[in-house]
C-alpha cells in the first residue's frame, strides 16, 4: 500500500478482551464520547472517525492519512483523558484494512456480540453512524463501510438462522425470569430505568402476558410515557427503593455512574418478604446493583455476563449457522475490499 493511500483501522475493546468489571471503567458518558471524537478529528493523521460506545464495547473506527504510524495513533487514543485511567489501554484490539472490514460486517450481523445473534447491535451501530455523519466526522471510506455493513448484516440475518428466536436482552431476561418463577403472569415486576432497554424488556413481558409491571426512572416524563405505552404503573425514582419488597423481579437498566441499589437496601426488603425469593437482573454497565447483594439469602442476582452465558447455552445447536454466516461475512468483506481496490486503481489511471 502506498503511504498516500488512506488506512482504515479499528481500536477497541469488548467482552472478548475485558471482563464486566473492566468494561465498567471505560463505559463513557455521551459528552466523553463527543470529546474523544472531536479530539480524534483534530489529530493531523486522522481524516475520518466514528466512536461506537455500547454496554459491552467501545470501538474507535478511523481513517488515517498515515502522517504518523498506527502505533502513535493507538498511543494517542489510549492516553486520552477519557481512557487513560481505565482498563482500555491494557485490554484492547487493533484491526486494519480487510480485518477491520470483516470485523465491522461480523458486528452488524450479531456474530461478534456477547449474546450471539442479538439484534440490538445493528441499531446501536446505525445510531453511532448517524451521529458521526451529522457531526461531519465521516467521509467516503467510513460511509461506504457502514452502509455496506448494514446491508451485510441484513443479508446474513435473513439467509441464516443466526438470530433465530430474536435474541435480545429483553427476551433473554424474560427467559431467565421464566426459569426461576415459572408462570410470569403471576409475578410482580419492577423496571428501574426508562430507556431503550427497559422498553424492550417491557415489550417482551407484555408479549408473555405479564400485566403487573411498574416502572421507575429519573426522568418523570420518560417514565410516565413508558408506563402509559405498556399499561404499567409508575413510581417516583426517589421512592422505588422503599417499594422493592412488593416485587418478585427487579430489572435495572439505568445510565447511573455508580450503584443505585446497595446490599443494605435489598436486605431490608427481604426482611419484609420472608421466605419469598427476590430475583434481580442488572442490565446496566456500570452495574446498578451492588455485587455483594448476591450473597443474601433468597436473593438471586444476574448481570449481563450471566445473561450472555444463558443466551449462548444452545450455541452448539447453531454451530452450522454460525459457520455459514462466518463464510458469508468473509466473502462480503473480500468483495468489498476488491471493489475498493479496483476504484483506487481506476482513479490512479485517470
Protein backbone atom coordinates (compact mmCIF):
# COMPACT_ATOMS: atom_id res chain seq x y z
CA UNK A 1 0.00 0.00 0.00
CA UNK A 2 1.24 3.49 -0.82
CA UNK A 3 1.82 5.92 2.04
CA UNK A 4 -0.58 8.29 0.34
CA UNK A 5 -3.47 5.85 0.49
CA UNK A 6 -5.85 6.03 3.47
CA UNK A 7 -5.59 3.41 6.20
CA UNK A 8 -8.79 2.06 7.73
CA UNK A 9 -8.36 0.87 11.30
CA UNK A 10 -10.32 -0.03 14.43
CA UNK A 11 -9.04 0.19 18.00
CA UNK A 12 -11.48 -1.19 20.54
CA UNK A 13 -12.35 -3.40 23.47
CA UNK A 14 -15.33 -5.61 24.27
CA UNK A 15 -16.32 -8.69 26.29
CA UNK A 16 -13.65 -10.63 24.41
CA UNK A 17 -10.82 -8.51 25.82
CA UNK A 18 -12.25 -7.26 29.14
CA UNK A 19 -14.49 -8.66 31.87
CA UNK A 20 -17.54 -6.80 33.17
CA UNK A 21 -15.63 -5.05 35.95
CA UNK A 22 -13.05 -3.81 33.44
CA UNK A 23 -15.68 -2.75 30.90
CA UNK A 24 -17.33 -0.61 33.56
CA UNK A 25 -14.21 1.58 33.68
CA UNK A 26 -14.49 2.63 30.02
CA UNK A 27 -18.26 2.89 29.73
CA UNK A 28 -18.20 6.50 28.58
CA UNK A 29 -20.79 9.21 29.04
CA UNK A 30 -22.13 10.88 25.90
CA UNK A 31 -20.08 14.03 26.48
CA UNK A 32 -16.91 11.92 26.86
CA UNK A 33 -17.64 10.17 23.56
CA UNK A 34 -18.13 13.56 21.89
CA UNK A 35 -14.85 14.89 23.31
CA UNK A 36 -12.95 11.78 22.17
CA UNK A 37 -14.40 12.04 18.65
CA UNK A 38 -13.62 15.78 18.41
CA UNK A 39 -10.05 15.29 19.59
CA UNK A 40 -9.54 12.48 17.09
CA UNK A 41 -10.74 14.68 14.25
CA UNK A 42 -8.27 17.35 15.37
CA UNK A 43 -5.38 14.88 15.11
CA UNK A 44 -3.38 15.64 11.97
CA UNK A 45 -3.23 11.95 10.94
CA UNK A 46 -6.98 11.27 11.10
CA UNK A 47 -9.37 12.19 8.28
CA UNK A 48 -12.49 10.32 9.47
CA UNK A 49 -13.66 8.76 12.73
CA UNK A 50 -16.63 7.15 14.43
CA UNK A 51 -16.94 6.08 18.08
CA UNK A 52 -19.18 3.11 18.92
CA UNK A 53 -19.97 3.07 22.64
CA UNK A 54 -22.35 0.36 23.97
CA UNK A 55 -22.79 -1.53 27.23
CA UNK A 56 -20.37 -4.22 26.06
CA UNK A 57 -17.88 -2.44 23.83
CA UNK A 58 -16.01 0.72 22.95
CA UNK A 59 -14.65 0.84 19.40
CA UNK A 60 -12.98 3.68 17.53
CA UNK A 61 -13.25 3.44 13.73
CA UNK A 62 -10.92 5.77 11.89
CA UNK A 63 -9.31 6.53 8.55
CA UNK A 64 -5.72 7.74 8.70
CA UNK A 65 -3.72 9.60 6.07
CA UNK A 66 -0.68 7.86 7.58
CA UNK A 67 1.15 11.05 8.54
CA UNK A 68 2.02 9.09 11.69
CA UNK A 69 2.39 5.32 12.24
CA UNK A 70 -0.67 3.49 13.57
CA UNK A 71 1.07 2.78 16.89
CA UNK A 72 1.36 6.53 17.53
CA UNK A 73 -2.38 6.96 16.96
CA UNK A 74 -3.01 3.95 19.20
CA UNK A 75 -0.99 5.64 21.94
CA UNK A 76 -2.89 8.91 21.40
CA UNK A 77 -6.22 7.11 21.93
CA UNK A 78 -5.08 5.12 24.98
CA UNK A 79 -3.64 8.23 26.65
CA UNK A 80 -6.75 10.33 26.01
CA UNK A 81 -8.19 11.80 29.27
CA UNK A 82 -11.39 9.76 28.93
CA UNK A 83 -9.48 6.46 28.67
CA UNK A 84 -6.04 6.84 30.26
CA UNK A 85 -7.14 5.74 33.75
CA UNK A 86 -9.38 2.90 32.59
CA UNK A 87 -8.77 -0.73 31.61
CA UNK A 88 -8.94 0.18 27.91
CA UNK A 89 -5.16 0.75 27.39
CA UNK A 90 -4.30 -2.77 28.53
CA UNK A 91 -7.39 -4.58 27.19
CA UNK A 92 -7.88 -3.62 23.55
CA UNK A 93 -7.53 -4.92 20.00
CA UNK A 94 -6.46 -3.32 16.73
CA UNK A 95 -7.61 -4.25 13.23
CA UNK A 96 -6.73 -2.72 9.88
CA UNK A 97 -7.97 -2.91 6.29
CA UNK A 98 -9.64 -6.25 5.41
CA UNK A 99 -9.59 -7.41 9.04
CA UNK A 100 -11.35 -4.19 10.03
CA UNK A 101 -13.93 -4.64 7.26
CA UNK A 102 -14.62 -8.23 8.28
CA UNK A 103 -14.98 -7.22 11.93
CA UNK A 104 -17.50 -4.49 11.05
CA UNK A 105 -19.60 -6.92 8.98
CA UNK A 106 -19.35 -9.52 11.74
CA UNK A 107 -20.51 -6.99 14.31
CA UNK A 108 -23.53 -5.83 12.30
CA UNK A 109 -24.57 -9.48 11.85
CA UNK A 110 -24.54 -10.22 15.59
CA UNK A 111 -21.65 -12.69 15.34
CA UNK A 112 -19.29 -10.56 17.43
CA UNK A 113 -21.84 -9.96 20.18
CA UNK A 114 -21.64 -11.39 23.67
CA UNK A 115 -25.07 -12.89 23.01
CA UNK A 116 -24.53 -14.43 19.56
CA UNK A 117 -27.14 -13.26 17.09
CA UNK A 118 -28.54 -10.45 19.24
CA UNK A 119 -30.40 -7.75 17.38
CA UNK A 120 -29.66 -4.54 19.35
CA UNK A 121 -26.16 -4.00 17.97
CA UNK A 122 -27.36 -3.15 14.46
CA UNK A 123 -29.46 -0.29 15.83
CA UNK A 124 -26.57 0.90 18.01
CA UNK A 125 -24.25 0.93 15.01
CA UNK A 126 -26.79 2.91 12.98
CA UNK A 127 -27.13 5.47 15.78
CA UNK A 128 -23.34 5.90 16.06
CA UNK A 129 -23.07 6.22 12.27
CA UNK A 130 -25.84 8.81 12.07
CA UNK A 131 -24.25 10.84 14.87
CA UNK A 132 -20.79 10.76 13.26
CA UNK A 133 -22.22 11.67 9.86
CA UNK A 134 -24.18 14.62 11.29
CA UNK A 135 -21.00 15.84 13.01
CA UNK A 136 -19.23 15.60 9.62
CA UNK A 137 -16.70 13.14 11.05
CA UNK A 138 -17.24 10.60 8.27
CA UNK A 139 -16.01 10.62 4.69
CA UNK A 140 -16.36 8.26 1.76
CA UNK A 141 -14.46 5.39 3.45
CA UNK A 142 -16.49 5.13 6.67
CA UNK A 143 -19.75 5.98 4.91
CA UNK A 144 -19.24 3.14 2.46
CA UNK A 145 -18.02 0.76 5.18
CA UNK A 146 -21.04 1.25 7.43
CA UNK A 147 -23.62 1.35 4.65
CA UNK A 148 -22.22 -1.94 3.31
CA UNK A 149 -22.07 -3.44 6.82
CA UNK A 150 -25.78 -2.73 7.32
CA UNK A 151 -26.51 -4.50 4.03
CA UNK A 152 -24.31 -7.44 5.05
CA UNK A 153 -25.97 -7.66 8.46
CA UNK A 154 -29.43 -7.74 6.91
CA UNK A 155 -28.37 -10.34 4.32
CA UNK A 156 -26.83 -12.67 6.89
CA UNK A 157 -29.75 -12.39 9.30
CA UNK A 158 -32.24 -13.19 6.53
CA UNK A 159 -30.27 -16.02 4.89
CA UNK A 160 -29.22 -17.80 8.10
CA UNK A 161 -30.87 -18.63 11.42
CA UNK A 162 -28.19 -16.81 13.41
CA UNK A 163 -30.84 -14.63 15.11
CA UNK A 164 -33.40 -17.40 15.47
CA UNK A 165 -35.69 -16.69 18.39
CA UNK A 166 -34.99 -12.94 18.21
CA UNK A 167 -32.04 -12.89 20.58
CA UNK A 168 -32.15 -9.68 22.61
CA UNK A 169 -31.58 -8.51 26.16
CA UNK A 170 -35.34 -8.32 26.65
CA UNK A 171 -36.11 -11.87 25.54
CA UNK A 172 -33.11 -13.38 27.37
CA UNK A 173 -34.03 -11.60 30.61
CA UNK A 174 -37.57 -12.86 30.17
CA UNK A 175 -36.44 -16.45 29.61
CA UNK A 176 -34.26 -16.30 32.70
CA UNK A 177 -37.11 -14.98 34.84
CA UNK A 178 -39.37 -17.66 33.43
CA UNK A 179 -36.93 -20.38 34.55
CA UNK A 180 -36.98 -19.14 38.12
CA UNK A 181 -40.63 -18.23 38.55
CA UNK A 182 -42.39 -20.46 36.06
CA UNK A 183 -45.60 -18.61 35.20
CA UNK A 184 -44.54 -14.98 34.96
CA UNK A 185 -48.16 -13.90 34.64
CA UNK A 186 -48.42 -14.19 38.43
CA UNK A 187 -45.26 -12.17 39.17
CA UNK A 188 -44.93 -8.52 40.13
CA UNK A 189 -42.14 -6.85 38.16
CA UNK A 190 -40.32 -3.54 38.69
CA UNK A 191 -38.34 -1.94 35.85
CA UNK A 192 -35.81 0.64 37.05
CA UNK A 193 -34.80 2.85 34.13
CA UNK A 194 -36.89 4.34 31.33
CA UNK A 195 -34.61 4.00 28.31
CA UNK A 196 -34.49 1.66 25.31
CA UNK A 197 -33.55 -1.44 27.31
CA UNK A 198 -36.46 -1.05 29.72
CA UNK A 199 -38.78 -0.57 26.76
CA UNK A 200 -37.55 -3.79 25.13
CA UNK A 201 -37.97 -5.69 28.40
CA UNK A 202 -41.46 -4.27 28.90
CA UNK A 203 -42.40 -5.31 25.36
CA UNK A 204 -41.12 -8.85 25.99
CA UNK A 205 -43.05 -9.04 29.27
CA UNK A 206 -46.30 -7.88 27.66
CA UNK A 207 -45.85 -10.42 24.88
CA UNK A 208 -45.59 -13.10 27.56
CA UNK A 209 -48.84 -11.93 29.14
CA UNK A 210 -47.38 -10.19 32.19
CA UNK A 211 -49.72 -7.47 33.44
CA UNK A 212 -48.28 -6.42 36.82
CA UNK A 213 -45.44 -4.12 35.70
CA UNK A 214 -44.20 -0.99 37.45
CA UNK A 215 -41.67 1.48 36.04
CA UNK A 216 -39.36 3.92 37.82
CA UNK A 217 -36.80 6.29 36.28
CA UNK A 218 -35.04 9.60 36.85
CA UNK A 219 -36.97 11.28 34.03
CA UNK A 220 -40.61 11.57 35.07
CA UNK A 221 -41.76 12.31 31.52
CA UNK A 222 -39.99 9.26 30.04
CA UNK A 223 -41.16 7.06 32.93
CA UNK A 224 -44.79 8.14 32.56
CA UNK A 225 -44.61 7.71 28.78
CA UNK A 226 -43.22 4.17 29.11
CA UNK A 227 -45.82 3.27 31.73
CA UNK A 228 -48.64 4.57 29.54
CA UNK A 229 -47.36 2.72 26.47
CA UNK A 230 -47.42 -0.66 28.22
CA UNK A 231 -50.27 -0.13 30.65
CA UNK A 232 -47.88 -0.18 33.62
CA UNK A 233 -47.82 1.68 36.91
CA UNK A 234 -45.09 4.18 37.78
CA UNK A 235 -43.41 5.29 40.98
CA UNK A 236 -41.07 8.20 41.67
CA UNK A 237 -37.39 7.34 41.38
CA UNK A 238 -36.78 8.68 44.89
CA UNK A 239 -39.27 6.18 46.30
CA UNK A 240 -38.61 2.92 44.43
CA UNK A 241 -36.06 1.59 46.95
CA UNK A 242 -38.71 1.64 49.65
CA UNK A 243 -41.09 -0.39 47.48
CA UNK A 244 -38.80 -3.25 46.42
CA UNK A 245 -40.32 -5.70 48.93
CA UNK A 246 -43.57 -5.62 46.94
CA UNK A 247 -41.95 -7.07 43.80
CA UNK A 248 -40.80 -10.55 42.79
CA UNK A 249 -38.49 -9.41 39.99
CA UNK A 250 -36.49 -6.17 39.73
CA UNK A 251 -34.83 -5.39 36.39
CA UNK A 252 -32.48 -2.39 36.24
CA UNK A 253 -31.01 -0.63 33.20
CA UNK A 254 -30.09 2.93 34.18
CA UNK A 255 -27.15 5.01 33.00
CA UNK A 256 -26.11 5.92 36.53
CA UNK A 257 -22.31 6.14 37.01
CA UNK A 258 -22.47 4.19 40.30
CA UNK A 259 -24.64 1.58 42.02
CA UNK A 260 -28.15 2.76 42.81
CA UNK A 261 -29.16 -0.30 44.84
CA UNK A 262 -26.89 -1.45 47.67
CA UNK A 263 -26.88 -4.65 49.69
CA UNK A 264 -28.45 -2.94 52.72
CA UNK A 265 -31.49 -1.89 50.67
CA UNK A 266 -32.11 -5.43 49.44
CA UNK A 267 -31.51 -6.91 52.89
CA UNK A 268 -34.16 -4.61 54.32
CA UNK A 269 -36.57 -5.54 51.51
CA UNK A 270 -36.14 -9.30 52.08
CA UNK A 271 -36.96 -8.90 55.78
CA UNK A 272 -40.37 -7.64 54.73
CA UNK A 273 -40.97 -10.65 52.43
CA UNK A 274 -39.73 -13.65 54.47
CA UNK A 275 -39.25 -16.96 52.62
CA UNK A 276 -40.08 -15.35 49.28
CA UNK A 277 -37.28 -15.17 46.70
CA UNK A 278 -36.27 -11.85 45.16
CA UNK A 279 -34.95 -12.02 41.61
CA UNK A 280 -32.65 -9.18 40.44
CA UNK A 281 -31.48 -8.66 36.84
CA UNK A 282 -28.89 -5.93 36.36
CA UNK A 283 -28.64 -4.95 32.68
CA UNK A 284 -26.55 -1.82 33.25
CA UNK A 285 -22.89 -1.06 32.61
CA UNK A 286 -21.68 0.28 35.01
CA UNK A 287 -23.76 -2.02 37.18
CA UNK A 288 -26.77 -0.69 39.10
CA UNK A 289 -26.80 -3.30 41.88
CA UNK A 290 -24.04 -3.89 44.42
CA UNK A 291 -22.36 -7.24 43.73
CA UNK A 292 -22.43 -8.38 47.39
CA UNK A 293 -26.24 -8.43 47.17
CA UNK A 294 -25.94 -11.90 45.59
CA UNK A 295 -24.75 -13.31 48.93
CA UNK A 296 -28.04 -12.54 50.67
CA UNK A 297 -30.43 -15.40 51.39
CA UNK A 298 -33.30 -15.84 48.93
CA UNK A 299 -31.78 -13.23 46.59
CA UNK A 300 -30.76 -14.16 43.04
CA UNK A 301 -28.67 -11.59 41.15
CA UNK A 302 -27.81 -11.84 37.45
CA UNK A 303 -25.78 -9.39 35.35
CA UNK A 304 -25.08 -9.06 31.62
CA UNK A 305 -22.34 -11.72 31.65
CA UNK A 306 -24.70 -14.22 33.27
CA UNK A 307 -27.39 -13.46 30.70
CA UNK A 308 -24.93 -13.93 27.85
CA UNK A 309 -23.97 -17.37 29.17
CA UNK A 310 -27.64 -18.36 29.25
CA UNK A 311 -28.29 -16.93 25.78
CA UNK A 312 -25.37 -18.92 24.36
CA UNK A 313 -26.29 -22.25 26.00
CA UNK A 314 -27.73 -23.54 22.76
CA UNK A 315 -24.75 -22.34 20.72
CA UNK A 316 -23.89 -25.92 19.79
CA UNK A 317 -27.25 -26.22 18.06
CA UNK A 318 -26.42 -23.20 15.91
CA UNK A 319 -22.80 -24.02 15.06
CA UNK A 320 -23.64 -24.75 11.44
CA UNK A 321 -25.46 -21.41 11.14
CA UNK A 322 -22.52 -19.58 12.71
CA UNK A 323 -20.11 -21.25 10.28
CA UNK A 324 -22.38 -20.38 7.36
CA UNK A 325 -22.66 -16.76 8.49
CA UNK A 326 -18.90 -16.51 9.02
CA UNK A 327 -18.20 -17.68 5.47
CA UNK A 328 -20.70 -15.20 4.10
CA UNK A 329 -19.01 -12.40 6.05
CA UNK A 330 -15.57 -13.31 4.68
CA UNK A 331 -16.95 -13.31 1.14
CA UNK A 332 -18.70 -9.96 1.69
CA UNK A 333 -15.57 -8.40 3.21
CA UNK A 334 -13.26 -9.55 0.42
CA UNK A 335 -15.75 -8.41 -2.21
CA UNK A 336 -15.87 -5.01 -0.54
CA UNK A 337 -12.06 -4.80 -0.46
CA UNK A 338 -11.73 -5.89 -4.10
CA UNK A 339 -14.18 -3.22 -5.23
CA UNK A 340 -12.31 -0.58 -3.22
CA UNK A 341 -9.00 -1.69 -4.76
CA UNK A 342 -10.45 -1.50 -8.28
CA UNK A 343 -11.79 2.00 -7.64
CA UNK A 344 -8.37 3.07 -6.32
CA UNK A 345 -6.57 1.68 -9.40
CA UNK A 346 -9.08 3.30 -11.75
CA UNK A 347 -8.62 6.70 -10.07
CA UNK A 348 -4.82 6.42 -10.36
CA UNK A 349 -5.05 5.97 -14.13
CA UNK A 350 -7.49 8.82 -14.69
